[in-house]
Amino acid sequence: MTSSHSRGLSLELDGEGVGTALGAIAWVLGALEIMKDRGHAEGDEEFHDLYESLTPRLEALLTTFSTAHRTPGEEDALQRDIEAAYQPLRAAFGTWIELTAVDTFSVAAEQRLGSVLGGDEDADSDDVDGDPPSEGGSA
């Protein structure tokens, strides 16, 4: 039987690998934050719970990266490689944020309009031909 302590996995990542991993972690953290906020706006705590369960694990990974042993004398070159690999992920995340913001706005606007209009989204659903209802009688 195995012990309750898990064994570590040793990875040797170059600057590109570290930058890519950091970008991916940052993307997921940002997405979780957005999901948490959207869940609050919609009164759904499922996304908040997901945020609460995953964020500490991702932050622990960030701590592992920040405290990892680096070869002396190669700090500047490594940092440049990390930044070069991180930037495309950051740009892609920025684009994703814009798309998500439009989607979130659309959902919020739809909900707001629904509440302002009394929630009668299906009020005209009987009118299948697109003509306004006739007044006072049948055709």
Protein backbone atom coordinates (compact mmCIF):
# COMPACT_ATOMS: atom_id res chain seq x y z
CA MET A 1 0.00 0.00 0.00
CA THR A 2 1.28 3.50 -0.74
CA SER A 3 1.80 6.15 1.88
CA SER A 4 -0.52 9.12 2.25
CA HIS A 5 2.31 11.38 1.09
CA SER A 6 2.60 11.70 -2.65
CA ARG A 7 5.96 11.62 -4.32
CA GLY A 8 7.14 14.68 -6.16
CA LEU A 9 7.78 14.86 -9.86
CA SER A 10 10.97 16.54 -10.90
CA LEU A 11 10.78 18.53 -14.11
CA GLU A 12 13.49 20.31 -15.95
CA LEU A 13 11.88 23.13 -17.87
CA ASP A 14 13.58 25.69 -20.03
CA GLY A 15 12.42 29.30 -20.06
CA GLU A 16 9.87 28.62 -22.78
CA GLY A 17 8.35 25.76 -20.78
CA VAL A 18 8.18 27.85 -17.62
CA GLY A 19 6.67 30.83 -19.45
CA THR A 20 4.08 28.62 -21.13
CA ALA A 21 3.15 26.94 -17.86
CA LEU A 22 2.90 30.28 -16.04
CA GLY A 23 0.72 31.67 -18.83
CA ALA A 24 -1.57 28.66 -18.69
CA ILE A 25 -1.89 28.90 -14.91
CA ALA A 26 -2.58 32.64 -15.11
CA TRP A 27 -5.25 32.01 -17.77
CA VAL A 28 -7.02 29.43 -15.62
CA LEU A 29 -6.84 31.68 -12.55
CA GLY A 30 -8.36 34.53 -14.54
CA ALA A 31 -11.08 32.29 -15.94
CA LEU A 32 -11.93 31.03 -12.46
CA GLU A 33 -12.20 34.61 -11.19
CA ILE A 34 -14.57 35.49 -14.04
CA MET A 35 -16.64 32.37 -13.40
CA LYS A 36 -16.85 33.21 -9.69
CA ASP A 37 -18.04 36.75 -10.46
CA ARG A 38 -20.56 35.51 -13.01
CA GLY A 39 -21.86 32.95 -10.55
CA HIS A 40 -22.40 35.69 -7.98
CA ALA A 41 -24.23 37.80 -10.56
CA GLU A 42 -26.49 34.87 -11.44
CA GLY A 43 -26.95 33.69 -7.87
CA ASP A 44 -25.16 30.40 -8.59
CA GLU A 45 -22.57 29.46 -5.98
CA GLU A 46 -21.28 26.46 -7.97
CA PHE A 47 -18.69 28.66 -9.70
CA HIS A 48 -17.60 30.20 -6.39
CA ASP A 49 -17.10 26.72 -4.95
CA LEU A 50 -15.07 25.73 -8.00
CA TYR A 51 -12.94 28.86 -7.58
CA GLU A 52 -12.42 28.09 -3.89
CA SER A 53 -11.37 24.50 -4.55
CA LEU A 54 -9.00 25.09 -7.48
CA THR A 55 -7.38 28.46 -6.78
CA PRO A 56 -5.23 27.31 -3.83
CA ARG A 57 -3.84 24.44 -5.92
CA LEU A 58 -2.95 26.77 -8.79
CA GLU A 59 -1.43 29.33 -6.44
CA ALA A 60 0.70 26.55 -4.93
CA LEU A 61 2.00 25.79 -8.42
CA LEU A 62 2.91 29.45 -8.86
CA THR A 63 4.80 29.34 -5.58
CA THR A 64 6.64 26.23 -6.74
CA PHE A 65 7.72 28.00 -9.92
CA SER A 66 8.81 31.12 -8.06
CA THR A 67 10.92 29.19 -5.57
CA ALA A 68 12.43 26.71 -8.04
CA HIS A 69 16.19 26.35 -8.17
CA ARG A 70 17.76 28.17 -11.09
CA THR A 71 21.21 27.77 -12.52
CA PRO A 72 23.42 30.61 -11.29
CA GLY A 73 24.54 33.06 -13.95
CA GLU A 74 21.68 32.30 -16.33
CA GLU A 75 19.01 34.39 -14.60
CA ASP A 76 18.76 37.15 -17.23
CA ALA A 77 18.59 34.82 -20.22
CA LEU A 78 16.10 32.55 -18.47
CA GLN A 79 13.92 35.51 -17.52
CA ARG A 80 13.89 36.74 -21.13
CA ASP A 81 12.89 33.26 -22.36
CA ILE A 82 10.13 33.01 -19.75
CA GLU A 83 8.77 36.43 -20.68
CA ALA A 84 8.93 35.67 -24.43
CA ALA A 85 6.92 32.47 -23.92
CA TYR A 86 4.48 34.11 -21.50
CA GLN A 87 3.57 37.10 -23.72
CA PRO A 88 1.66 35.18 -26.45
CA LEU A 89 -0.42 33.46 -23.78
CA ARG A 90 -1.09 36.80 -22.12
CA ALA A 91 -2.21 38.27 -25.46
CA ALA A 92 -4.46 35.27 -26.13
CA PHE A 93 -5.95 35.63 -22.66
CA GLY A 94 -6.63 39.31 -23.35
CA THR A 95 -8.53 38.33 -26.49
CA TRP A 96 -10.45 35.68 -24.56
CA ILE A 97 -11.35 38.27 -21.91
CA GLU A 98 -12.81 40.53 -24.59
CA LEU A 99 -14.91 37.67 -25.96
CA THR A 100 -16.01 36.67 -22.48
CA ALA A 101 -16.90 40.26 -21.60
CA VAL A 102 -19.17 40.52 -24.63
CA ASP A 103 -20.83 37.22 -23.70
CA THR A 104 -21.21 38.24 -20.06
CA PHE A 105 -22.67 41.60 -21.08
CA SER A 106 -25.15 39.88 -23.40
CA VAL A 107 -26.32 37.56 -20.61
CA ALA A 108 -26.60 40.43 -18.13
CA ALA A 109 -28.48 42.62 -20.61
CA GLU A 110 -30.87 39.78 -21.46
CA GLN A 111 -31.57 39.17 -17.77
CA ARG A 112 -32.08 42.87 -17.10
CA LEU A 113 -34.40 43.32 -20.06
CA GLY A 114 -36.33 40.25 -18.98
CA SER A 115 -36.86 41.69 -15.52
CA VAL A 116 -37.73 45.17 -16.83
CA LEU A 117 -40.23 43.76 -19.29
CA GLY A 118 -41.82 41.65 -16.60
CA GLY A 119 -40.28 38.37 -17.66
CA ASP A 120 -42.86 37.92 -20.43
CA GLU A 121 -40.35 36.50 -22.88
CA ASP A 122 -42.91 34.02 -24.19
CA ALA A 123 -45.86 36.42 -24.25
CA ASP A 124 -46.05 36.43 -28.04
CA SER A 125 -45.15 32.78 -28.51
CA ASP A 126 -48.71 31.98 -29.68
CA ASP A 127 -48.21 34.36 -32.59
CA VAL A 128 -46.40 32.05 -34.98
CA ASP A 129 -47.08 34.03 -38.19
CA GLY A 130 -45.43 37.22 -36.98
CA ASP A 131 -48.56 39.39 -37.36
CA PRO A 132 -49.73 41.42 -34.38
CA PRO A 133 -52.68 39.89 -32.50
CA SER A 134 -56.05 40.99 -33.87
CA GLU A 135 -58.25 43.12 -31.66
CA GLY A 136 -61.59 41.76 -30.50
CA GLY A 137 -62.21 38.70 -32.59
CA SER A 138 -60.95 35.81 -34.60
CA ALA A 139 -60.21 35.80 -38.31
